[in-house]
């Protein structure tokens, strides 16, 4: 049973697993942990992890499960709720279901055919 609400994310972050620097995909985040995707062999159950969410925020934790490329991390100390909300979004957010979205439910942005400074 989870102690914290999980927020979906869709971004790449810097991560150190077992002393090895990696770029991983962060798929969800809560105050108590997160799920990342990596194919690196250093990501094994019990390995120490440091996630860098911002240039100033590094979160230590430990890998508690691994299934294929997906890896579950439990933080050593809880992350502040405002930090979690900054990086993710809740499943309960009121999305317009007709808007185009990526596989994580994040709205796709319209790309303007002509932008300032473009030569036609």
PDB file of N, CA and C in Angstrom:
ATOM      1  N   UNK A   1       0.833  -1.178   0.000  1.00  0.00           N
ATOM      2  CA  UNK A   1       0.000   0.000   0.000  1.00  0.00           C
ATOM      3  C   UNK A   1       0.885   1.252   0.000  1.00  0.00           C
ATOM      4  N   UNK A   2       0.550   2.205  -0.844  1.00  0.00           N
ATOM      5  CA  UNK A   2       1.348   3.424  -0.976  1.00  0.00           C
ATOM      6  C   UNK A   2       1.015   4.428   0.127  1.00  0.00           C
ATOM      7  N   UNK A   3       2.061   5.112   0.589  1.00  0.00           N
ATOM      8  CA  UNK A   3       1.887   6.147   1.606  1.00  0.00           C
ATOM      9  C   UNK A   3       1.695   7.525   0.995  1.00  0.00           C
ATOM     10  N   UNK A   4       2.077   7.683  -0.283  1.00  0.00           N
ATOM     11  CA  UNK A   4       2.050   8.994  -0.934  1.00  0.00           C
ATOM     12  C   UNK A   4       1.333   8.907  -2.278  1.00  0.00           C
ATOM     13  N   UNK A   5       0.743  10.032  -2.698  1.00  0.00           N
ATOM     14  CA  UNK A   5       0.126  10.108  -4.022  1.00  0.00           C
ATOM     15  C   UNK A   5       1.208  10.163  -5.084  1.00  0.00           C
ATOM     16  N   UNK A   6       0.961   9.449  -6.163  1.00  0.00           N
ATOM     17  CA  UNK A   6       1.902   9.407  -7.273  1.00  0.00           C
ATOM     18  C   UNK A   6       1.481  10.395  -8.345  1.00  0.00           C
ATOM     19  N   UNK A   7       2.457  11.083  -8.926  1.00  0.00           N
ATOM     20  CA  UNK A   7       2.209  12.005 -10.028  1.00  0.00           C
ATOM     21  C   UNK A   7       2.949  11.495 -11.255  1.00  0.00           C
ATOM     22  N   UNK A   8       2.291  11.540 -12.401  1.00  0.00           N
ATOM     23  CA  UNK A   8       2.941  11.137 -13.646  1.00  0.00           C
ATOM     24  C   UNK A   8       3.939  12.202 -14.073  1.00  0.00           C
ATOM     25  N   UNK A   9       4.989  11.763 -14.724  1.00  0.00           N
ATOM     26  CA  UNK A   9       5.983  12.670 -15.293  1.00  0.00           C
ATOM     27  C   UNK A   9       6.401  12.115 -16.642  1.00  0.00           C
ATOM     28  N   UNK A  10       7.100  12.884 -17.389  1.00  0.00           N
ATOM     29  CA  UNK A  10       7.627  12.423 -18.681  1.00  0.00           C
ATOM     30  C   UNK A  10       8.840  13.284 -19.012  1.00  0.00           C
ATOM     31  N   UNK A  11       9.971  12.944 -18.396  1.00  0.00           N
ATOM     32  CA  UNK A  11      11.177  13.722 -18.643  1.00  0.00           C
ATOM     33  C   UNK A  11      12.418  12.888 -18.373  1.00  0.00           C
ATOM     34  N   UNK A  12      13.511  13.336 -18.936  1.00  0.00           N
ATOM     35  CA  UNK A  12      14.793  12.697 -18.681  1.00  0.00           C
ATOM     36  C   UNK A  12      15.509  13.470 -17.589  1.00  0.00           C
ATOM     37  N   UNK A  13      16.133  12.727 -16.668  1.00  0.00           N
ATOM     38  CA  UNK A  13      16.861  13.348 -15.568  1.00  0.00           C
ATOM     39  C   UNK A  13      18.226  12.687 -15.430  1.00  0.00           C
ATOM     40  N   UNK A  14      19.119  13.371 -14.719  1.00  0.00           N
ATOM     41  CA  UNK A  14      20.422  12.795 -14.405  1.00  0.00           C
ATOM     42  C   UNK A  14      20.268  11.909 -13.184  1.00  0.00           C
ATOM     43  N   UNK A  15      21.021  10.806 -13.189  1.00  0.00           N
ATOM     44  CA  UNK A  15      20.910   9.830 -12.120  1.00  0.00           C
ATOM     45  C   UNK A  15      22.273   9.173 -11.917  1.00  0.00           C
ATOM     46  N   UNK A  16      22.593   8.864 -10.674  1.00  0.00           N
ATOM     47  CA  UNK A  16      23.817   8.125 -10.370  1.00  0.00           C
ATOM     48  C   UNK A  16      23.388   6.820  -9.700  1.00  0.00           C
ATOM     49  N   UNK A  17      23.754   5.705 -10.322  1.00  0.00           N
ATOM     50  CA  UNK A  17      23.415   4.391  -9.778  1.00  0.00           C
ATOM     51  C   UNK A  17      24.715   3.635  -9.556  1.00  0.00           C
ATOM     52  N   UNK A  18      24.967   3.274  -8.303  1.00  0.00           N
ATOM     53  CA  UNK A  18      26.185   2.545  -7.986  1.00  0.00           C
ATOM     54  C   UNK A  18      27.444   3.275  -8.430  1.00  0.00           C
ATOM     55  N   UNK A  19      27.449   4.606  -8.343  1.00  0.00           N
ATOM     56  CA  UNK A  19      28.610   5.403  -8.728  1.00  0.00           C
ATOM     57  C   UNK A  19      28.720   5.691 -10.209  1.00  0.00           C
ATOM     58  N   UNK A  20      27.742   5.256 -10.997  1.00  0.00           N
ATOM     59  CA  UNK A  20      27.768   5.450 -12.450  1.00  0.00           C
ATOM     60  C   UNK A  20      26.755   6.522 -12.844  1.00  0.00           C
ATOM     61  N   UNK A  21      27.210   7.555 -13.576  1.00  0.00           N
ATOM     62  CA  UNK A  21      26.326   8.636 -14.023  1.00  0.00           C
ATOM     63  C   UNK A  21      25.536   8.210 -15.252  1.00  0.00           C
ATOM     64  N   UNK A  22      24.210   8.416 -15.200  1.00  0.00           N
ATOM     65  CA  UNK A  22      23.312   8.006 -16.282  1.00  0.00           C
ATOM     66  C   UNK A  22      22.278   9.090 -16.549  1.00  0.00           C
ATOM     67  N   UNK A  23      21.669   9.032 -17.712  1.00  0.00           N
ATOM     68  CA  UNK A  23      20.463   9.795 -18.019  1.00  0.00           C
ATOM     69  C   UNK A  23      19.345   8.761 -18.096  1.00  0.00           C
ATOM     70  N   UNK A  24      18.290   8.963 -17.294  1.00  0.00           N
ATOM     71  CA  UNK A  24      17.187   8.005 -17.233  1.00  0.00           C
ATOM     72  C   UNK A  24      15.871   8.724 -17.501  1.00  0.00           C
ATOM     73  N   UNK A  25      14.844   7.957 -17.830  1.00  0.00           N
ATOM     74  CA  UNK A  25      13.497   8.506 -18.011  1.00  0.00           C
ATOM     75  C   UNK A  25      12.745   8.390 -16.695  1.00  0.00           C
ATOM     76  N   UNK A  26      12.211   9.506 -16.220  1.00  0.00           N
ATOM     77  CA  UNK A  26      11.417   9.546 -14.996  1.00  0.00           C
ATOM     78  C   UNK A  26       9.950   9.463 -15.398  1.00  0.00           C
ATOM     79  N   UNK A  27       9.244   8.396 -14.977  1.00  0.00           N
ATOM     80  CA  UNK A  27       7.863   8.181 -15.392  1.00  0.00           C
ATOM     81  C   UNK A  27       6.836   8.587 -14.349  1.00  0.00           C
ATOM     82  N   UNK A  28       7.169   8.409 -13.064  1.00  0.00           N
ATOM     83  CA  UNK A  28       6.268   8.912 -12.033  1.00  0.00           C
ATOM     84  C   UNK A  28       7.070   9.274 -10.799  1.00  0.00           C
ATOM     85  N   UNK A  29       6.447  10.086  -9.948  1.00  0.00           N
ATOM     86  CA  UNK A  29       7.153  10.644  -8.802  1.00  0.00           C
ATOM     87  C   UNK A  29       6.173  10.831  -7.654  1.00  0.00           C
ATOM     88  N   UNK A  30       6.608  10.495  -6.453  1.00  0.00           N
ATOM     89  CA  UNK A  30       5.835  10.769  -5.244  1.00  0.00           C
ATOM     90  C   UNK A  30       6.811  11.280  -4.192  1.00  0.00           C
ATOM     91  N   UNK A  31       6.290  11.644  -3.031  1.00  0.00           N
ATOM     92  CA  UNK A  31       7.166  12.108  -1.956  1.00  0.00           C
ATOM     93  C   UNK A  31       8.086  10.990  -1.466  1.00  0.00           C
ATOM     94  N   UNK A  32       7.658   9.748  -1.622  1.00  0.00           N
ATOM     95  CA  UNK A  32       8.423   8.622  -1.103  1.00  0.00           C
ATOM     96  C   UNK A  32       9.289   7.887  -2.097  1.00  0.00           C
ATOM     97  N   UNK A  33       9.094   8.124  -3.404  1.00  0.00           N
ATOM     98  CA  UNK A  33       9.885   7.399  -4.390  1.00  0.00           C
ATOM     99  C   UNK A  33       9.466   7.731  -5.803  1.00  0.00           C
ATOM    100  N   UNK A  34       9.962   6.925  -6.745  1.00  0.00           N
ATOM    101  CA  UNK A  34       9.662   7.182  -8.151  1.00  0.00           C
ATOM    102  C   UNK A  34       9.884   5.912  -8.968  1.00  0.00           C
ATOM    103  N   UNK A  35       9.504   5.988 -10.236  1.00  0.00           N
ATOM    104  CA  UNK A  35       9.811   4.929 -11.184  1.00  0.00           C
ATOM    105  C   UNK A  35      10.598   5.545 -12.329  1.00  0.00           C
ATOM    106  N   UNK A  36      11.721   4.908 -12.658  1.00  0.00           N
ATOM    107  CA  UNK A  36      12.538   5.341 -13.780  1.00  0.00           C
ATOM    108  C   UNK A  36      12.658   4.203 -14.775  1.00  0.00           C
ATOM    109  N   UNK A  37      13.101   4.549 -15.973  1.00  0.00           N
ATOM    110  CA  UNK A  37      13.404   3.535 -16.983  1.00  0.00           C
ATOM    111  C   UNK A  37      14.869   3.659 -17.358  1.00  0.00           C
ATOM    112  N   UNK A  38      15.574   2.537 -17.284  1.00  0.00           N
ATOM    113  CA  UNK A  38      16.964   2.467 -17.714  1.00  0.00           C
ATOM    114  C   UNK A  38      17.290   1.032 -18.093  1.00  0.00           C
ATOM    115  N   UNK A  39      18.151   0.873 -19.071  1.00  0.00           N
ATOM    116  CA  UNK A  39      18.579  -0.467 -19.464  1.00  0.00           C
ATOM    117  C   UNK A  39      19.939  -0.802 -18.870  1.00  0.00           C
ATOM    118  N   UNK A  40      20.494   0.088 -18.058  1.00  0.00           N
ATOM    119  CA  UNK A  40      21.825  -0.112 -17.492  1.00  0.00           C
ATOM    120  C   UNK A  40      21.826  -1.245 -16.466  1.00  0.00           C
ATOM    121  N   UNK A  41      22.858  -2.083 -16.515  1.00  0.00           N
ATOM    122  CA  UNK A  41      22.963  -3.227 -15.610  1.00  0.00           C
ATOM    123  C   UNK A  41      23.233  -2.831 -14.161  1.00  0.00           C
ATOM    124  N   UNK A  42      23.714  -1.609 -13.932  1.00  0.00           N
ATOM    125  CA  UNK A  42      23.982  -1.148 -12.564  1.00  0.00           C
ATOM    126  C   UNK A  42      22.692  -1.003 -11.764  1.00  0.00           C
ATOM    127  N   UNK A  43      21.562  -0.898 -12.448  1.00  0.00           N
ATOM    128  CA  UNK A  43      20.266  -0.719 -11.780  1.00  0.00           C
ATOM    129  C   UNK A  43      19.730  -2.065 -11.319  1.00  0.00           C
ATOM    130  N   UNK A  44      20.267  -2.536 -10.208  1.00  0.00           N
ATOM    131  CA  UNK A  44      19.790  -3.799  -9.657  1.00  0.00           C
ATOM    132  C   UNK A  44      19.208  -3.555  -8.267  1.00  0.00           C
ATOM    133  N   UNK A  45      18.340  -4.424  -7.846  1.00  0.00           N
ATOM    134  CA  UNK A  45      17.670  -4.263  -6.563  1.00  0.00           C
ATOM    135  C   UNK A  45      18.686  -4.105  -5.438  1.00  0.00           C
ATOM    136  N   UNK A  46      18.478  -3.082  -4.603  1.00  0.00           N
ATOM    137  CA  UNK A  46      19.375  -2.806  -3.485  1.00  0.00           C
ATOM    138  C   UNK A  46      20.450  -1.774  -3.777  1.00  0.00           C
ATOM    139  N   UNK A  47      20.635  -1.416  -5.054  1.00  0.00           N
ATOM    140  CA  UNK A  47      21.674  -0.446  -5.421  1.00  0.00           C
ATOM    141  C   UNK A  47      21.317   0.948  -4.910  1.00  0.00           C
ATOM    142  N   UNK A  48      22.351   1.693  -4.493  1.00  0.00           N
ATOM    143  CA  UNK A  48      22.151   3.075  -4.063  1.00  0.00           C
ATOM    144  C   UNK A  48      21.995   3.975  -5.276  1.00  0.00           C
ATOM    145  N   UNK A  49      21.100   4.970  -5.149  1.00  0.00           N
ATOM    146  CA  UNK A  49      20.748   5.849  -6.265  1.00  0.00           C
ATOM    147  C   UNK A  49      20.759   7.298  -5.786  1.00  0.00           C
ATOM    148  N   UNK A  50      21.183   8.201  -6.666  1.00  0.00           N
ATOM    149  CA  UNK A  50      21.024   9.639  -6.441  1.00  0.00           C
ATOM    150  C   UNK A  50      20.371  10.217  -7.679  1.00  0.00           C
ATOM    151  N   UNK A  51      19.194  10.817  -7.507  1.00  0.00           N
ATOM    152  CA  UNK A  51      18.487  11.451  -8.617  1.00  0.00           C
ATOM    153  C   UNK A  51      18.709  12.950  -8.554  1.00  0.00           C
ATOM    154  N   UNK A  52      18.935  13.561  -9.704  1.00  0.00           N
ATOM    155  CA  UNK A  52      19.103  15.006  -9.777  1.00  0.00           C
ATOM    156  C   UNK A  52      17.888  15.590 -10.491  1.00  0.00           C
ATOM    157  N   UNK A  53      16.935  16.107  -9.706  1.00  0.00           N
ATOM    158  CA  UNK A  53      15.723  16.668 -10.294  1.00  0.00           C
ATOM    159  C   UNK A  53      15.948  18.076 -10.807  1.00  0.00           C
ATOM    160  N   UNK A  54      16.797  18.819 -10.139  1.00  0.00           N
ATOM    161  CA  UNK A  54      17.185  20.154 -10.591  1.00  0.00           C
ATOM    162  C   UNK A  54      18.678  20.280 -10.343  1.00  0.00           C
ATOM    163  N   UNK A  55      19.255  21.368 -10.774  1.00  0.00           N
ATOM    164  CA  UNK A  55      20.676  21.577 -10.523  1.00  0.00           C
ATOM    165  C   UNK A  55      21.010  21.636  -9.046  1.00  0.00           C
ATOM    166  N   UNK A  56      20.011  21.938  -8.211  1.00  0.00           N
ATOM    167  CA  UNK A  56      20.252  22.093  -6.779  1.00  0.00           C
ATOM    168  C   UNK A  56      19.611  21.002  -5.927  1.00  0.00           C
ATOM    169  N   UNK A  57      18.819  20.135  -6.509  1.00  0.00           N
ATOM    170  CA  UNK A  57      18.100  19.121  -5.741  1.00  0.00           C
ATOM    171  C   UNK A  57      18.559  17.725  -6.127  1.00  0.00           C
ATOM    172  N   UNK A  58      19.263  17.070  -5.208  1.00  0.00           N
ATOM    173  CA  UNK A  58      19.687  15.687  -5.403  1.00  0.00           C
ATOM    174  C   UNK A  58      19.019  14.844  -4.327  1.00  0.00           C
ATOM    175  N   UNK A  59      18.391  13.750  -4.743  1.00  0.00           N
ATOM    176  CA  UNK A  59      17.637  12.918  -3.822  1.00  0.00           C
ATOM    177  C   UNK A  59      18.271  11.533  -3.740  1.00  0.00           C
ATOM    178  N   UNK A  60      18.752  11.135  -2.555  1.00  0.00           N
ATOM    179  CA  UNK A  60      19.292   9.781  -2.403  1.00  0.00           C
ATOM    180  C   UNK A  60      18.172   8.773  -2.177  1.00  0.00           C
ATOM    181  N   UNK A  61      18.408   7.560  -2.646  1.00  0.00           N
ATOM    182  CA  UNK A  61      17.436   6.499  -2.461  1.00  0.00           C
ATOM    183  C   UNK A  61      18.049   5.143  -2.748  1.00  0.00           C
ATOM    184  N   UNK A  62      17.176   4.150  -2.853  1.00  0.00           N
ATOM    185  CA  UNK A  62      17.624   2.778  -3.083  1.00  0.00           C
ATOM    186  C   UNK A  62      16.628   2.090  -4.011  1.00  0.00           C
ATOM    187  N   UNK A  63      17.135   1.260  -4.911  1.00  0.00           N
ATOM    188  CA  UNK A  63      16.264   0.501  -5.818  1.00  0.00           C
ATOM    189  C   UNK A  63      15.589  -0.617  -5.027  1.00  0.00           C
ATOM    190  N   UNK A  64      14.251  -0.644  -5.079  1.00  0.00           N
ATOM    191  CA  UNK A  64      13.494  -1.651  -4.336  1.00  0.00           C
ATOM    192  C   UNK A  64      12.883  -2.715  -5.243  1.00  0.00           C
ATOM    193  N   UNK A  65      12.773  -2.445  -6.531  1.00  0.00           N
ATOM    194  CA  UNK A  65      12.313  -3.463  -7.484  1.00  0.00           C
ATOM    195  C   UNK A  65      12.778  -3.104  -8.885  1.00  0.00           C
ATOM    196  N   UNK A  66      12.829  -4.123  -9.727  1.00  0.00           N
ATOM    197  CA  UNK A  66      13.169  -3.923 -11.139  1.00  0.00           C
ATOM    198  C   UNK A  66      12.387  -4.933 -11.954  1.00  0.00           C
ATOM    199  N   UNK A  67      11.754  -4.443 -13.023  1.00  0.00           N
ATOM    200  CA  UNK A  67      10.994  -5.299 -13.924  1.00  0.00           C
ATOM    201  C   UNK A  67      11.315  -4.846 -15.336  1.00  0.00           C
ATOM    202  N   UNK A  68      12.142  -5.604 -16.037  1.00  0.00           N
ATOM    203  CA  UNK A  68      12.605  -5.192 -17.358  1.00  0.00           C
ATOM    204  C   UNK A  68      13.448  -3.942 -17.231  1.00  0.00           C
ATOM    205  N   UNK A  69      13.082  -2.900 -17.974  1.00  0.00           N
ATOM    206  CA  UNK A  69      13.805  -1.627 -17.899  1.00  0.00           C
ATOM    207  C   UNK A  69      13.255  -0.708 -16.811  1.00  0.00           C
ATOM    208  N   UNK A  70      12.086  -1.036 -16.259  1.00  0.00           N
ATOM    209  CA  UNK A  70      11.461  -0.191 -15.237  1.00  0.00           C
ATOM    210  C   UNK A  70      12.033  -0.507 -13.862  1.00  0.00           C
ATOM    211  N   UNK A  71      12.308   0.557 -13.105  1.00  0.00           N
ATOM    212  CA  UNK A  71      12.972   0.432 -11.817  1.00  0.00           C
ATOM    213  C   UNK A  71      12.260   1.293 -10.786  1.00  0.00           C
ATOM    214  N   UNK A  72      11.926   0.701  -9.635  1.00  0.00           N
ATOM    215  CA  UNK A  72      11.286   1.432  -8.550  1.00  0.00           C
ATOM    216  C   UNK A  72      12.306   1.875  -7.525  1.00  0.00           C
ATOM    217  N   UNK A  73      12.238   3.143  -7.139  1.00  0.00           N
ATOM    218  CA  UNK A  73      13.192   3.711  -6.187  1.00  0.00           C
ATOM    219  C   UNK A  73      12.435   4.238  -4.975  1.00  0.00           C
ATOM    220  N   UNK A  74      12.939   3.908  -3.780  1.00  0.00           N
ATOM    221  CA  UNK A  74      12.410   4.462  -2.534  1.00  0.00           C
ATOM    222  C   UNK A  74      13.421   5.481  -2.033  1.00  0.00           C
ATOM    223  N   UNK A  75      12.948   6.710  -1.776  1.00  0.00           N
ATOM    224  CA  UNK A  75      13.829   7.767  -1.298  1.00  0.00           C
ATOM    225  C   UNK A  75      14.203   7.535   0.165  1.00  0.00           C
ATOM    226  N   UNK A  76      15.433   7.943   0.528  1.00  0.00           N
ATOM    227  CA  UNK A  76      15.875   7.830   1.921  1.00  0.00           C
ATOM    228  C   UNK A  76      15.068   8.751   2.829  1.00  0.00           C
ATOM    229  N   UNK A  77      14.747   9.944   2.335  1.00  0.00           N
ATOM    230  CA  UNK A  77      13.919  10.912   3.056  1.00  0.00           C
ATOM    231  C   UNK A  77      12.814  11.385   2.122  1.00  0.00           C
ATOM    232  N   UNK A  78      11.625  11.671   2.647  1.00  0.00           N
ATOM    233  CA  UNK A  78      10.533  12.120   1.771  1.00  0.00           C
ATOM    234  C   UNK A  78      10.859  13.435   1.065  1.00  0.00           C
ATOM    235  N   UNK A  79      10.426  13.518  -0.181  1.00  0.00           N
ATOM    236  CA  UNK A  79      10.559  14.728  -0.986  1.00  0.00           C
ATOM    237  C   UNK A  79       9.367  15.636  -0.677  1.00  0.00           C
ATOM    238  N   UNK A  80       9.587  16.936  -0.645  1.00  0.00           N
ATOM    239  CA  UNK A  80       8.507  17.877  -0.338  1.00  0.00           C
ATOM    240  C   UNK A  80       7.416  17.790  -1.409  1.00  0.00           C
ATOM    241  N   UNK A  81       6.156  17.854  -0.970  1.00  0.00           N
ATOM    242  CA  UNK A  81       5.013  17.729  -1.878  1.00  0.00           C
ATOM    243  C   UNK A  81       5.034  18.771  -2.993  1.00  0.00           C
ATOM    244  N   UNK A  82       5.454  19.995  -2.700  1.00  0.00           N
ATOM    245  CA  UNK A  82       5.500  21.048  -3.724  1.00  0.00           C
ATOM    246  C   UNK A  82       6.493  20.708  -4.825  1.00  0.00           C
ATOM    247  N   UNK A  83       7.595  20.049  -4.491  1.00  0.00           N
ATOM    248  CA  UNK A  83       8.572  19.627  -5.493  1.00  0.00           C
ATOM    249  C   UNK A  83       7.953  18.562  -6.398  1.00  0.00           C
ATOM    250  N   UNK A  84       7.217  17.633  -5.803  1.00  0.00           N
ATOM    251  CA  UNK A  84       6.553  16.582  -6.580  1.00  0.00           C
ATOM    252  C   UNK A  84       5.534  17.197  -7.536  1.00  0.00           C
ATOM    253  N   UNK A  85       4.728  18.122  -7.038  1.00  0.00           N
ATOM    254  CA  UNK A  85       3.712  18.766  -7.871  1.00  0.00           C
ATOM    255  C   UNK A  85       4.337  19.579  -9.002  1.00  0.00           C
ATOM    256  N   UNK A  86       5.521  20.135  -8.762  1.00  0.00           N
ATOM    257  CA  UNK A  86       6.222  20.908  -9.795  1.00  0.00           C
ATOM    258  C   UNK A  86       6.616  20.025 -10.982  1.00  0.00           C
ATOM    259  N   UNK A  87       7.013  18.793 -10.712  1.00  0.00           N
ATOM    260  CA  UNK A  87       7.510  17.913 -11.769  1.00  0.00           C
ATOM    261  C   UNK A  87       6.440  17.053 -12.416  1.00  0.00           C
ATOM    262  N   UNK A  88       5.330  16.826 -11.741  1.00  0.00           N
ATOM    263  CA  UNK A  88       4.357  15.893 -12.287  1.00  0.00           C
ATOM    264  C   UNK A  88       2.962  16.460 -12.353  1.00  0.00           C
ATOM    265  N   UNK A  89       2.044  15.622 -12.782  1.00  0.00           N
ATOM    266  CA  UNK A  89       0.634  15.973 -12.819  1.00  0.00           C
ATOM    267  C   UNK A  89      -0.162  14.771 -12.339  1.00  0.00           C
ATOM    268  N   UNK A  90      -1.301  15.033 -11.775  1.00  0.00           N
ATOM    269  CA  UNK A  90      -2.141  14.003 -11.191  1.00  0.00           C
ATOM    270  C   UNK A  90      -3.057  13.396 -12.243  1.00  0.00           C
ATOM    271  N   UNK A  91      -3.409  12.138 -12.053  1.00  0.00           N
ATOM    272  CA  UNK A  91      -4.375  11.483 -12.942  1.00  0.00           C
ATOM    273  C   UNK A  91      -5.744  12.142 -12.852  1.00  0.00           C
ATOM    274  N   UNK A  92      -6.019  12.822 -11.737  1.00  0.00           N
ATOM    275  CA  UNK A  92      -7.320  13.431 -11.532  1.00  0.00           C
ATOM    276  C   UNK A  92      -7.453  14.794 -12.199  1.00  0.00           C
ATOM    277  N   UNK A  93      -6.375  15.313 -12.813  1.00  0.00           N
ATOM    278  CA  UNK A  93      -6.474  16.617 -13.458  1.00  0.00           C
ATOM    279  C   UNK A  93      -7.522  16.566 -14.560  1.00  0.00           C
ATOM    280  N   UNK A  94      -8.229  17.662 -14.729  1.00  0.00           N
ATOM    281  CA  UNK A  94      -9.330  17.726 -15.676  1.00  0.00           C
ATOM    282  C   UNK A  94      -8.796  17.993 -17.081  1.00  0.00           C
ATOM    283  N   UNK A  95      -8.522  16.936 -17.817  1.00  0.00           N
ATOM    284  CA  UNK A  95      -8.031  17.058 -19.185  1.00  0.00           C
ATOM    285  C   UNK A  95      -9.202  17.113 -20.158  1.00  0.00           C
ATOM    286  N   UNK A  96      -9.031  17.835 -21.235  1.00  0.00           N
ATOM    287  CA  UNK A  96      -9.990  17.788 -22.332  1.00  0.00           C
ATOM    288  C   UNK A  96      -9.661  16.518 -23.114  1.00  0.00           C
ATOM    289  N   UNK A  97     -10.518  15.545 -23.062  1.00  0.00           N
ATOM    290  CA  UNK A  97     -10.239  14.229 -23.646  1.00  0.00           C
ATOM    291  C   UNK A  97     -10.105  14.249 -25.165  1.00  0.00           C
ATOM    292  N   UNK A  98     -10.524  15.336 -25.823  1.00  0.00           N
ATOM    293  CA  UNK A  98     -10.412  15.412 -27.277  1.00  0.00           C
ATOM    294  C   UNK A  98      -9.083  15.987 -27.743  1.00  0.00           C
ATOM    295  N   UNK A  99      -8.295  16.550 -26.829  1.00  0.00           N
ATOM    296  CA  UNK A  99      -6.990  17.095 -27.205  1.00  0.00           C
ATOM    297  C   UNK A  99      -6.016  15.960 -27.496  1.00  0.00           C
ATOM    298  N   UNK A 100      -5.145  16.137 -28.499  1.00  0.00           N
ATOM    299  CA  UNK A 100      -4.139  15.103 -28.770  1.00  0.00           C
ATOM    300  C   UNK A 100      -3.127  15.026 -27.627  1.00  0.00           C
ATOM    301  N   UNK A 101      -2.755  13.797 -27.253  1.00  0.00           N
ATOM    302  CA  UNK A 101      -1.834  13.576 -26.133  1.00  0.00           C
ATOM    303  C   UNK A 101      -0.815  12.509 -26.502  1.00  0.00           C
ATOM    304  N   UNK A 102       0.348  12.555 -25.802  1.00  0.00           N
ATOM    305  CA  UNK A 102       1.346  11.508 -26.005  1.00  0.00           C
ATOM    306  C   UNK A 102       0.950  10.285 -25.176  1.00  0.00           C
ATOM    307  N   UNK A 103       1.766   9.249 -25.170  1.00  0.00           N
ATOM    308  CA  UNK A 103       1.414   8.000 -24.493  1.00  0.00           C
ATOM    309  C   UNK A 103       1.326   8.133 -22.975  1.00  0.00           C
ATOM    310  N   UNK A 104       1.790   9.272 -22.427  1.00  0.00           N
ATOM    311  CA  UNK A 104       1.714   9.505 -20.995  1.00  0.00           C
ATOM    312  C   UNK A 104       0.567  10.428 -20.617  1.00  0.00           C
ATOM    313  N   UNK A 105      -0.214  10.871 -21.618  1.00  0.00           N
ATOM    314  CA  UNK A 105      -1.339  11.744 -21.358  1.00  0.00           C
ATOM    315  C   UNK A 105      -1.009  13.219 -21.347  1.00  0.00           C
ATOM    316  N   UNK A 106       0.213  13.559 -21.727  1.00  0.00           N
ATOM    317  CA  UNK A 106       0.621  14.961 -21.755  1.00  0.00           C
ATOM    318  C   UNK A 106       0.172  15.579 -23.073  1.00  0.00           C
ATOM    319  N   UNK A 107      -0.460  16.777 -23.013  1.00  0.00           N
ATOM    320  CA  UNK A 107      -0.944  17.411 -24.245  1.00  0.00           C
ATOM    321  C   UNK A 107       0.182  17.689 -25.237  1.00  0.00           C
ATOM    322  N   UNK A 108      -0.107  17.438 -26.508  1.00  0.00           N
ATOM    323  CA  UNK A 108       0.843  17.764 -27.566  1.00  0.00           C
ATOM    324  C   UNK A 108       0.668  19.229 -27.926  1.00  0.00           C
ATOM    325  N   UNK A 109       1.768  19.909 -28.143  1.00  0.00           N
ATOM    326  CA  UNK A 109       1.748  21.338 -28.436  1.00  0.00           C
ATOM    327  C   UNK A 109       1.676  21.538 -29.937  1.00  0.00           C
ATOM    328  N   UNK A 110       0.814  22.484 -30.364  1.00  0.00           N
ATOM    329  CA  UNK A 110       0.743  22.822 -31.780  1.00  0.00           C
ATOM    330  C   UNK A 110       2.029  23.518 -32.198  1.00  0.00           C
ATOM    331  N   UNK A 111       2.565  23.113 -33.330  1.00  0.00           N
ATOM    332  CA  UNK A 111       3.753  23.756 -33.880  1.00  0.00           C
ATOM    333  C   UNK A 111       3.296  24.691 -34.979  1.00  0.00           C
ATOM    334  N   UNK A 112       3.645  25.949 -34.828  1.00  0.00           N
ATOM    335  CA  UNK A 112       3.250  26.934 -35.831  1.00  0.00           C
ATOM    336  C   UNK A 112       4.049  26.712 -37.109  1.00  0.00           C
ATOM    337  N   UNK A 113       3.394  26.790 -38.269  1.00  0.00           N
ATOM    338  CA  UNK A 113       4.116  26.572 -39.526  1.00  0.00           C
ATOM    339  C   UNK A 113       5.137  27.672 -39.802  1.00  0.00           C
ATOM    340  N   UNK A 114       4.892  28.871 -39.296  1.00  0.00           N
ATOM    341  CA  UNK A 114       5.819  29.978 -39.514  1.00  0.00           C
ATOM    342  C   UNK A 114       6.116  30.612 -38.161  1.00  0.00           C
ATOM    343  N   UNK A 115       7.382  30.794 -37.878  1.00  0.00           N
ATOM    344  CA  UNK A 115       7.776  31.429 -36.624  1.00  0.00           C
ATOM    345  C   UNK A 115       8.574  32.687 -36.919  1.00  0.00           C
ATOM    346  N   UNK A 116       8.676  33.536 -35.950  1.00  0.00           N
ATOM    347  CA  UNK A 116       9.420  34.785 -36.123  1.00  0.00           C
ATOM    348  C   UNK A 116      10.858  34.488 -36.518  1.00  0.00           C
ATOM    349  N   UNK A 117      11.334  35.192 -37.508  1.00  0.00           N
ATOM    350  CA  UNK A 117      12.721  35.035 -37.930  1.00  0.00           C
ATOM    351  C   UNK A 117      12.950  33.946 -38.960  1.00  0.00           C
ATOM    352  N   UNK A 118      11.902  33.206 -39.336  1.00  0.00           N
ATOM    353  CA  UNK A 118      12.074  32.144 -40.329  1.00  0.00           C
ATOM    354  C   UNK A 118      12.053  32.731 -41.730  1.00  0.00           C
ATOM    355  N   UNK A 119      12.860  32.176 -42.585  1.00  0.00           N
ATOM    356  CA  UNK A 119      12.897  32.600 -43.985  1.00  0.00           C
ATOM    357  C   UNK A 119      12.029  31.648 -44.782  1.00  0.00           C
ATOM    358  N   UNK A 120      11.126  32.217 -45.556  1.00  0.00           N
ATOM    359  CA  UNK A 120      10.241  31.367 -46.356  1.00  0.00           C
ATOM    360  C   UNK A 120      10.781  31.191 -47.742  1.00  0.00           C
TER     361      UNK A 120
END
